[in-house]
N, C-alpha and C. Protein backbone atom coordinates (compact mmCIF):
# COMPACT_ATOMS: atom_id res chain seq x y z
N MET A 1 0.68 -1.00 0.26
CA MET A 1 -0.08 -0.10 0.13
C MET A 1 1.07 1.37 0.12
N THR A 2 0.49 2.33 -0.69
CA THR A 2 1.39 3.44 -1.06
C THR A 2 0.24 4.79 -0.10
N THR A 3 1.31 5.07 0.69
CA THR A 3 1.09 6.20 1.83
C THR A 3 1.65 7.06 1.00
N ILE A 4 0.34 8.57 0.80
CA ILE A 4 0.78 9.83 0.23
C ILE A 4 0.77 10.74 1.44
N HIS A 5 1.82 11.70 1.84
CA HIS A 5 2.14 12.26 2.73
C HIS A 5 1.70 14.11 2.12
N LYS A 6 0.87 14.82 2.79
CA LYS A 6 0.94 16.11 2.32
C LYS A 6 1.87 16.86 3.06
N PRO A 7 2.61 17.68 2.16
CA PRO A 7 3.65 18.78 2.72
C PRO A 7 3.36 19.34 3.76
N ARG A 8 4.14 19.63 4.94
CA ARG A 8 3.40 20.39 6.34
C ARG A 8 3.51 21.99 5.66
N ARG A 9 3.09 22.93 6.70
CA ARG A 9 3.44 23.76 6.19
C ARG A 9 4.26 24.61 7.47
N LYS A 10 5.45 25.18 6.71
CA LYS A 10 6.81 26.02 7.82
C LYS A 10 6.43 26.81 8.49
N PRO A 11 6.94 26.89 9.72
CA PRO A 11 6.29 28.32 10.20
C PRO A 11 6.58 29.68 9.78
N CYS A 12 5.80 30.73 10.09
CA CYS A 12 6.29 32.26 9.67
C CYS A 12 7.46 32.20 10.54
N PRO A 13 8.34 32.43 9.68
CA PRO A 13 10.15 33.09 10.35
C PRO A 13 9.83 34.25 11.48
N HIS A 14 8.71 34.41 11.29
CA HIS A 14 8.80 36.08 12.18
C HIS A 14 7.88 35.65 13.49
N CYS A 15 6.94 35.06 13.13
CA CYS A 15 5.82 34.83 14.31
C CYS A 15 5.84 33.54 14.61
N GLY A 16 6.31 32.40 14.06
CA GLY A 16 6.11 30.97 14.07
C GLY A 16 4.91 30.48 13.98
N SER A 17 3.86 31.38 13.36
CA SER A 17 2.38 30.65 13.28
C SER A 17 2.52 30.13 12.04
N LEU A 18 2.10 28.78 11.89
CA LEU A 18 1.60 27.86 11.16
C LEU A 18 0.27 28.25 9.93
N ASP A 19 -0.30 29.72 10.70
CA ASP A 19 -1.45 29.66 9.64
C ASP A 19 -0.74 31.21 8.23
N THR A 20 -0.44 30.10 7.43
CA THR A 20 0.37 30.91 6.32
C THR A 20 -0.84 30.34 5.14
N SER A 21 -0.15 31.58 4.01
CA SER A 21 -0.89 31.51 2.95
C SER A 21 0.16 31.60 1.65
N ARG A 22 -0.26 30.64 0.12
CA ARG A 22 0.52 31.03 -0.95
C ARG A 22 -0.07 32.09 -1.52
N ILE A 23 1.31 33.01 -1.74
CA ILE A 23 0.99 34.40 -2.71
C ILE A 23 1.18 33.56 -4.32
N VAL A 24 -0.37 34.34 -4.80
CA VAL A 24 -0.43 34.12 -6.40
C VAL A 24 0.17 35.34 -6.79
N TRP A 25 1.13 35.53 -7.65
CA TRP A 25 1.40 36.48 -8.51
C TRP A 25 0.89 36.13 -9.78
N GLY A 26 0.42 37.48 -10.73
CA GLY A 26 0.22 37.61 -11.92
C GLY A 26 -1.34 38.19 -12.39
N LEU A 27 -1.74 38.34 -12.91
CA LEU A 27 -2.98 38.83 -13.17
C LEU A 27 -4.12 37.60 -13.03
N TYR A 28 -5.03 37.79 -12.01
CA TYR A 28 -6.01 36.64 -11.70
C TYR A 28 -7.02 37.25 -12.08
N VAL A 29 -8.18 36.05 -13.07
CA VAL A 29 -9.32 36.38 -13.80
C VAL A 29 -9.95 35.18 -12.96
N PRO A 30 -10.61 35.47 -12.17
CA PRO A 30 -11.57 34.69 -11.41
C PRO A 30 -12.85 34.03 -12.04
N ASN A 31 -13.13 33.01 -11.89
CA ASN A 31 -14.38 32.48 -12.71
C ASN A 31 -15.79 33.30 -11.65
N PRO A 32 -16.87 33.44 -12.52
CA PRO A 32 -17.72 33.94 -11.75
C PRO A 32 -18.41 32.51 -10.62
N GLY A 33 -18.55 33.34 -9.26
CA GLY A 33 -19.21 32.44 -8.52
C GLY A 33 -18.16 31.47 -7.61
N THR A 34 -16.65 31.36 -8.29
CA THR A 34 -15.59 30.72 -7.64
C THR A 34 -14.93 31.21 -6.54
N PRO A 35 -15.17 31.39 -5.38
CA PRO A 35 -14.08 32.08 -4.35
C PRO A 35 -12.97 31.66 -4.11
N LEU A 36 -11.98 32.63 -3.73
CA LEU A 36 -10.57 31.89 -3.59
C LEU A 36 -10.45 30.95 -2.69
N PRO A 37 -9.59 30.23 -2.57
CA PRO A 37 -9.00 29.31 -1.76
C PRO A 37 -8.73 30.00 -0.37
N ASP A 38 -8.94 29.27 1.02
CA ASP A 38 -8.42 30.11 2.07
C ASP A 38 -6.83 30.19 2.51
N HIS A 39 -5.99 29.52 1.71
CA HIS A 39 -5.00 29.20 1.76
C HIS A 39 -4.16 30.36 0.49
N VAL A 40 -4.92 30.89 -0.08
CA VAL A 40 -4.28 31.84 -1.30
C VAL A 40 -4.34 33.05 -1.08
N VAL A 41 -3.39 33.93 -1.34
CA VAL A 41 -3.69 35.18 -1.08
C VAL A 41 -2.88 36.01 -2.59
N LEU A 42 -3.81 36.81 -3.25
CA LEU A 42 -3.54 37.41 -4.39
C LEU A 42 -1.99 38.33 -4.21
N GLY A 43 -0.94 38.48 -5.23
CA GLY A 43 0.15 39.27 -4.60
C GLY A 43 0.10 40.60 -5.64
N GLY A 44 -0.51 40.49 -6.72
CA GLY A 44 -0.50 41.80 -7.55
C GLY A 44 -0.54 41.19 -9.26
N CYS A 45 -0.58 42.00 -9.94
CA CYS A 45 -0.48 41.25 -11.69
C CYS A 45 1.36 41.47 -11.77
N CYS A 46 1.94 42.55 -11.49
CA CYS A 46 3.50 42.90 -11.85
C CYS A 46 3.85 41.28 -10.95
N VAL A 47 4.87 40.68 -11.83
CA VAL A 47 5.68 39.55 -11.53
C VAL A 47 7.33 40.14 -11.36
N GLU A 48 7.76 40.01 -10.40
CA GLU A 48 9.53 40.37 -10.85
C GLU A 48 9.75 38.68 -9.62
N PRO A 49 11.22 38.35 -10.40
CA PRO A 49 11.84 37.25 -9.85
C PRO A 49 12.04 38.06 -8.39
N GLY A 50 12.39 36.92 -7.43
CA GLY A 50 12.60 36.95 -6.12
C GLY A 50 11.63 37.13 -5.37
N TRP A 51 10.28 37.57 -5.65
CA TRP A 51 9.28 38.06 -4.78
C TRP A 51 9.14 37.21 -3.61
N PRO A 52 8.24 37.41 -2.82
CA PRO A 52 8.02 36.51 -2.07
C PRO A 52 7.08 35.64 -2.20
N GLU A 53 6.88 34.51 -1.39
CA GLU A 53 6.06 32.97 -1.84
C GLU A 53 5.07 32.66 -0.91
N ARG A 54 5.25 33.23 0.36
CA ARG A 54 4.29 33.08 1.25
C ARG A 54 4.20 33.99 2.02
N GLN A 55 2.63 34.36 2.63
CA GLN A 55 2.19 35.69 3.90
C GLN A 55 1.77 34.96 5.04
N CYS A 56 2.14 35.33 5.91
CA CYS A 56 1.52 34.98 7.57
C CYS A 56 0.35 35.53 7.26
N ASN A 57 -0.61 34.63 7.92
CA ASN A 57 -2.10 35.35 8.31
C ASN A 57 -2.35 36.00 9.49
N ASP A 58 -0.96 35.68 10.42
CA ASP A 58 -0.97 36.51 11.70
C ASP A 58 -0.75 37.65 11.94
N CYS A 59 0.52 37.62 11.25
CA CYS A 59 1.86 39.20 11.63
C CYS A 59 1.31 39.62 10.29
N GLY A 60 1.13 39.07 9.16
CA GLY A 60 1.18 39.83 7.79
C GLY A 60 2.08 40.00 7.03
N ARG A 61 2.96 39.28 7.55
CA ARG A 61 4.40 39.64 7.07
C ARG A 61 4.39 38.59 5.86
N ARG A 62 5.32 39.07 4.40
CA ARG A 62 5.15 38.29 3.32
C ARG A 62 7.08 37.85 3.23
N TYR A 63 7.29 36.48 2.96
CA TYR A 63 8.59 35.98 3.25
C TYR A 63 8.62 34.89 2.00
N ASP A 64 9.94 34.63 1.98
CA ASP A 64 10.25 33.62 1.18
C ASP A 64 11.16 32.19 1.65
N TYR A 65 10.86 31.27 1.65
CA TYR A 65 11.65 30.22 2.48
C TYR A 65 12.91 30.05 1.53
N ARG A 66 13.56 30.19 0.07
CA ARG A 66 14.62 30.31 -0.20
C ARG A 66 15.44 31.64 0.19
N ASP A 67 15.22 32.46 0.78
CA ASP A 67 15.71 33.85 1.16
C ASP A 67 14.64 34.36 2.16
N PRO A 68 14.91 33.92 3.60
CA PRO A 68 14.05 34.26 4.77
C PRO A 68 14.21 35.52 5.06
N ILE A 69 15.48 35.96 4.85
CA ILE A 69 15.89 37.29 5.18
C ILE A 69 15.30 38.59 4.47
N ALA A 70 15.03 38.25 2.99
CA ALA A 70 14.09 39.18 2.18
C ALA A 70 13.10 39.06 2.34
N VAL A 71 12.41 39.97 3.21
CA VAL A 71 10.86 39.85 3.72
C VAL A 71 10.37 41.53 3.28
N GLU A 72 9.25 41.11 3.02
CA GLU A 72 8.99 42.47 2.48
C GLU A 72 8.15 43.19 3.99
N ASP A 73 7.82 43.90 4.07
CA ASP A 73 7.96 44.90 5.77
C ASP A 73 7.51 45.99 5.28
N ASP A 74 6.37 46.37 6.10
CA ASP A 74 5.87 47.78 5.85
C ASP A 74 6.43 49.16 6.81
N GLU A 75 7.08 48.03 8.19
CA GLU A 75 7.83 48.85 8.84
C GLU A 75 9.13 49.69 8.84
N PRO A 76 9.13 50.77 8.99
CA PRO A 76 10.59 51.15 8.54
C PRO A 76 11.69 50.72 9.24
């Protein structure tokens, strides 16, 4: 018997929360009547290499596990 394991969410590098969402970059055209899944956040229509891939739903910070130091931060 084959067992399939779902990947575990990694904690936010800032607050440690496991309540995180994947950021989807690019132009999003929704299907009428189809809501966006709870674990997905729209990042915007412009796409640049190296932009964050995750967002913490508790502290609101965006980050990338490939480079956790490069964080989109609204604080000065």
